[in-house]
Protein backbone atom coordinates (compact mmCIF):
# COMPACT_ATOMS: atom_id res chain seq x y z
CA MET A 1 31.81 -61.80 -122.06
CA THR A 2 32.37 -65.70 -122.30
CA ASN A 3 34.33 -67.60 -120.03
CA THR A 4 36.76 -68.24 -122.79
CA ASP A 5 37.49 -64.61 -122.99
CA ALA A 6 40.60 -63.47 -121.71
CA VAL A 7 41.33 -60.50 -120.48
CA LEU A 8 44.31 -58.16 -118.88
CA THR A 9 45.21 -54.72 -118.61
CA LEU A 10 48.43 -52.57 -120.06
CA GLU A 11 49.46 -49.07 -119.61
CA ILE A 12 49.41 -46.87 -122.66
CA ALA A 13 50.60 -43.51 -122.73
CA GLY A 14 49.50 -43.14 -119.61
CA GLN A 15 46.10 -44.67 -120.36
CA GLN A 16 45.04 -47.70 -118.35
CA VAL A 17 43.52 -49.89 -121.08
CA GLU A 18 41.55 -53.28 -120.88
CA VAL A 19 42.35 -55.80 -123.18
CA ILE A 20 40.12 -58.60 -123.88
CA ARG A 21 40.79 -61.71 -126.20
CA LYS A 22 37.65 -62.83 -128.20
CA LYS A 23 37.02 -64.87 -131.45
CA ILE A 24 36.42 -62.19 -133.63
CA LYS A 25 37.63 -60.91 -136.83
CA ASN A 26 39.02 -57.39 -136.39
CA LEU A 27 40.56 -55.31 -133.74
CA HIS A 28 38.03 -52.77 -132.06
CA VAL A 29 39.40 -49.80 -129.44
CA GLY A 30 36.40 -48.23 -127.49
CA VAL A 31 36.13 -45.54 -124.69
CA TYR A 32 32.98 -46.22 -122.59
CA PRO A 33 31.38 -44.03 -120.14
CA PRO A 34 30.75 -42.61 -117.57
CA GLU A 35 34.85 -41.82 -117.09
CA GLY A 36 36.39 -42.77 -120.32
CA HIS A 37 37.29 -46.14 -119.26
CA VAL A 38 39.31 -47.71 -122.41
CA ARG A 39 39.22 -51.18 -123.88
CA VAL A 40 40.43 -52.95 -126.49
CA ALA A 41 38.67 -56.32 -128.14
CA ALA A 42 41.28 -58.09 -130.10
CA PRO A 43 41.76 -61.54 -131.42
CA PRO A 44 43.79 -63.87 -130.33
CA SER A 45 46.49 -63.80 -132.82
CA VAL A 46 47.07 -59.58 -132.54
CA SER A 47 50.17 -58.95 -130.86
CA LEU A 48 50.43 -56.52 -127.79
CA ASP A 49 52.86 -54.37 -130.01
CA ALA A 50 50.08 -54.58 -132.65
CA ILE A 51 47.38 -53.24 -129.59
CA ARG A 52 49.53 -50.68 -128.10
CA HIS A 53 50.15 -49.67 -131.57
CA ALA A 54 46.43 -49.19 -132.66
CA VAL A 55 45.35 -47.56 -129.22
CA LEU A 56 48.26 -45.02 -129.95
CA THR A 57 47.20 -43.89 -133.23
CA ARG A 58 43.35 -43.49 -131.76
CA LEU A 59 45.10 -41.33 -128.99
CA ALA A 60 43.41 -38.33 -129.68
CA TRP A 61 40.03 -39.52 -130.48
CA VAL A 62 40.23 -41.64 -127.11
CA LYS A 63 41.38 -38.28 -125.30
CA ARG A 64 38.42 -36.84 -127.06
CA LYS A 65 35.59 -39.12 -125.96
CA GLN A 66 36.83 -38.93 -122.61
CA ARG A 67 36.48 -35.00 -122.39
CA GLU A 68 33.03 -35.61 -123.54
CA PHE A 69 32.56 -37.88 -121.40
CA ARG A 70 33.37 -35.82 -118.33
CA ARG A 71 31.29 -32.86 -119.77
CA GLN A 72 28.43 -35.16 -120.12
CA ALA A 73 25.69 -34.23 -117.60
CA ARG A 74 24.75 -36.38 -114.88
CA GLU A 75 21.79 -37.11 -112.97
CA THR A 76 21.95 -35.88 -109.23
CA PRO A 77 22.09 -38.74 -106.76
CA ARG A 78 18.68 -40.21 -106.20
CA GLU A 79 16.81 -39.87 -103.00
CA PHE A 80 13.59 -41.37 -103.88
CA VAL A 81 11.81 -38.59 -101.91
CA SER A 82 8.25 -36.87 -102.60
CA GLY A 83 8.71 -33.80 -105.42
CA GLU A 84 11.91 -35.67 -106.57
CA THR A 85 11.86 -35.82 -110.41
CA HIS A 86 12.15 -39.14 -112.42
CA TYR A 87 11.77 -39.72 -115.86
CA VAL A 88 9.15 -42.42 -117.74
CA PHE A 89 10.16 -42.80 -121.31
CA GLY A 90 11.44 -39.39 -121.72
CA ARG A 91 8.54 -37.79 -119.57
CA PRO A 92 9.17 -35.79 -116.27
CA CYS A 93 7.13 -37.03 -113.77
CA ARG A 94 6.94 -35.53 -109.86
CA LEU A 95 7.29 -38.50 -107.53
CA GLU A 96 4.94 -38.95 -104.62
CA VAL A 97 6.03 -41.06 -102.02
CA GLN A 98 3.24 -42.35 -99.45
CA LYS A 99 4.61 -44.37 -96.62
CA GLY A 100 2.30 -46.80 -94.13
CA THR A 101 1.23 -49.43 -97.27
CA ALA A 102 1.71 -53.16 -96.10
CA ARG A 103 2.00 -53.87 -100.42
CA PRO A 104 4.39 -51.35 -102.11
CA LYS A 105 3.04 -50.50 -105.27
CA MET A 106 4.10 -48.15 -108.01
CA GLU A 107 1.52 -46.13 -110.26
CA LEU A 108 1.78 -43.32 -112.96
CA THR A 109 -1.02 -41.27 -112.81
CA PRO A 110 -3.21 -39.61 -115.73
CA GLY A 111 -1.50 -36.97 -114.68
CA GLY A 112 1.81 -37.62 -114.64
CA ARG A 113 2.58 -38.45 -111.22
CA LEU A 114 4.98 -41.36 -110.40
CA LEU A 115 2.92 -42.65 -107.44
CA MET A 116 5.22 -45.04 -104.77
CA ARG A 117 3.18 -46.41 -102.00
CA CYS A 118 6.04 -48.19 -99.63
CA LYS A 119 5.82 -49.77 -95.87
CA PRO A 120 6.72 -47.28 -93.31
CA ASP A 121 10.46 -48.59 -92.58
CA ALA A 122 11.19 -48.55 -96.57
CA ASP A 123 14.66 -46.83 -96.18
CA LEU A 124 16.70 -45.47 -99.53
CA GLN A 125 17.94 -48.72 -100.77
CA ALA A 126 14.37 -50.33 -100.56
CA ARG A 127 12.78 -47.45 -102.41
CA SER A 128 15.18 -47.30 -104.76
CA GLU A 129 15.11 -51.16 -105.44
CA GLN A 130 11.53 -50.82 -105.93
CA MET A 131 11.59 -48.25 -108.46
CA SER A 132 14.28 -50.29 -110.28
CA ARG A 133 11.42 -53.20 -110.36
CA TRP A 134 8.97 -50.73 -111.26
CA TYR A 135 11.18 -49.62 -114.08
CA ARG A 136 12.00 -53.37 -115.25
CA ARG A 137 8.16 -53.71 -115.55
CA VAL A 138 7.42 -50.88 -117.60
CA LEU A 139 10.35 -51.44 -119.94
CA ARG A 140 9.60 -55.29 -120.30
CA LYS A 141 5.91 -54.30 -121.34
CA LYS A 142 7.22 -51.86 -124.17
CA THR A 143 10.10 -53.69 -125.43
CA ALA A 144 7.92 -56.97 -125.88
CA PRO A 145 5.72 -55.95 -129.14
CA ARG A 146 8.60 -53.66 -130.31
CA VAL A 147 10.75 -56.96 -130.81
CA GLU A 148 7.76 -58.76 -132.61
CA LYS A 149 7.37 -55.67 -134.83
CA TRP A 150 11.38 -55.24 -135.74
CA ALA A 151 11.60 -59.29 -136.19
CA LYS A 152 8.91 -58.90 -138.68
CA ARG A 153 10.04 -56.04 -140.49
CA LEU A 154 13.72 -57.19 -140.69
CA GLY A 155 12.17 -60.65 -141.39
CA VAL A 156 14.23 -62.72 -138.69
CA GLU A 157 13.15 -65.02 -136.30
CA ARG A 158 11.54 -63.65 -133.36
CA SER A 159 14.56 -63.06 -130.78
CA ASP A 160 15.10 -64.16 -127.17
CA TRP A 161 15.62 -61.02 -125.15
CA GLY A 162 16.15 -59.70 -121.74
CA ILE A 163 16.36 -56.68 -119.35
CA ARG A 164 19.88 -56.04 -117.88
CA ARG A 165 22.03 -53.26 -116.00
CA MET A 166 24.46 -52.22 -118.01
CA LYS A 167 26.91 -49.35 -117.45
CA THR A 168 28.80 -48.88 -121.15
CA LYS A 169 26.26 -49.96 -123.49
CA TRP A 170 22.36 -49.45 -124.70
CA GLY A 171 21.92 -53.03 -125.93
CA SER A 172 23.72 -56.11 -126.84
CA CYS A 173 23.58 -58.99 -128.98
CA ASN A 174 24.51 -62.29 -129.28
CA PRO A 175 23.59 -63.50 -132.57
CA LYS A 176 24.79 -67.42 -131.97
CA LYS A 177 22.20 -67.78 -129.29
CA GLY A 178 19.73 -65.28 -131.09
CA LYS A 179 19.53 -63.29 -128.12
CA ILE A 180 19.02 -59.69 -127.30
CA TRP A 181 19.97 -57.46 -124.14
CA ILE A 182 18.30 -53.99 -123.44
CA ASN A 183 19.52 -51.68 -121.15
CA LEU A 184 17.35 -50.94 -118.09
CA GLU A 185 17.99 -46.99 -118.41
CA LEU A 186 15.87 -47.40 -121.96
CA ALA A 187 12.74 -46.97 -119.43
CA LYS A 188 13.72 -43.36 -118.68
CA LYS A 189 14.32 -42.39 -122.18
CA PRO A 190 11.92 -41.73 -125.36
CA SER A 191 10.38 -44.48 -126.80
CA PRO A 192 12.31 -43.52 -130.43
CA CYS A 193 15.48 -44.40 -128.28
CA LEU A 194 14.40 -47.91 -127.43
CA ASP A 195 13.29 -48.58 -131.18
CA TYR A 196 16.62 -47.71 -132.04
CA VAL A 197 18.32 -50.16 -129.85
CA ILE A 198 16.05 -52.82 -130.85
CA LEU A 199 16.64 -52.34 -134.25
CA HIS A 200 20.15 -52.16 -133.96
CA GLU A 201 20.63 -55.08 -132.15
CA MET A 202 18.41 -57.30 -134.44
CA THR A 203 19.97 -55.97 -137.44
CA HIS A 204 23.26 -58.01 -136.14
CA PHE A 205 20.89 -61.04 -136.75
CA ILE A 206 21.81 -60.10 -140.17
CA SER A 207 24.97 -59.00 -139.80
CA PRO A 208 27.34 -59.47 -136.80
CA ARG A 209 29.55 -56.56 -137.46
CA HIS A 210 28.90 -53.00 -138.44
CA ASP A 211 29.60 -53.22 -142.09
CA GLU A 212 28.21 -51.62 -145.21
CA LEU A 213 25.12 -54.52 -144.95
CA PHE A 214 24.40 -53.78 -141.15
CA LEU A 215 24.64 -49.53 -141.91
CA THR A 216 22.14 -50.07 -144.87
CA THR A 217 19.62 -52.22 -143.22
CA LEU A 218 19.51 -49.44 -140.11
CA GLU A 219 18.78 -46.54 -142.88
CA GLN A 220 16.34 -48.47 -144.92
CA HIS A 221 14.33 -49.01 -141.68
CA MET A 222 14.95 -45.94 -139.79
CA PRO A 223 16.49 -43.22 -141.90
CA GLY A 224 17.42 -40.73 -138.57
CA TRP A 225 18.91 -43.42 -136.98
CA ARG A 226 22.13 -41.27 -136.62
CA GLN A 227 20.11 -38.35 -134.86
CA VAL A 228 18.07 -40.71 -132.46
CA ARG A 229 21.63 -42.41 -131.41
CA SER A 230 22.76 -38.72 -131.19
CA ASP A 231 19.91 -37.91 -128.96
CA LEU A 232 20.09 -40.72 -126.84
CA ASN A 233 24.08 -40.27 -126.31
CA ALA A 234 23.44 -36.84 -124.98
CA PHE A 235 20.95 -37.76 -122.23
CA PRO A 236 22.69 -37.18 -118.74
CA LEU A 237 24.33 -40.37 -117.33
CA ALA A 238 22.57 -42.46 -114.63
CA HIS A 239 24.03 -41.53 -110.84
CA GLU A 240 24.89 -45.25 -110.23
CA PRO A 241 23.66 -46.28 -106.67
CA SER A 242 26.56 -47.25 -103.95
CA PHE A 243 24.79 -49.71 -101.44
CA GLU A 244 27.14 -52.47 -100.72
CA ASN A 245 24.67 -55.27 -101.34
CA TYR A 246 22.73 -53.51 -104.16
CA THR A 247 22.10 -55.88 -106.82
CA GLY A 248 19.33 -53.94 -109.03
CA LYS A 249 17.19 -56.88 -109.96
């Protein structure tokens, strides 16, 4: 969201709806995890009555998506202790925590153990942040060649890209700036999911909308993209840490 976007909240048929005014052509109604938050992106020229009508006509769909999110599995709260299972690109790895090391370090062993070496006084927040930093490193290493690959296949200039925590989407794209963002959670998902998200976002350099050209391009380069998307959206939602000053960097 840019600094020029205007945001307001409406109550429509008992739903709290966030409305974002953006310089776009068409109105979009979205329902987002983890609780089914409703958000409308609308051009400045669209009236509030038109926004209410759009939500009301999609109300059955909105409620269905909210029920799906409520039923979707959630990760149990992470404690970052030995014996806990963490996923690395879809692979379940048993965590082993070794305290007493002056220099924190993480390593994925050939046998599939995720070894965390940390200081003796490392608390839950410190261990969580150590894990997050490691996920960011391994995701960055895996993303870089894939961005190069898809840029060549799509015939677009190599894009700038970054990794961030995102609660409502797996990736995002800014075609004007030539940059895509990848959700940090993709470090936990199978590699085809990462490929799909990178391809999806980079296809927006060809078409900024989900129009026929966009869909045709996806189909051409990844014929099974709908199944990959379905698999990705079926994975358990992340348990968000609740540390008061947690940055997740």
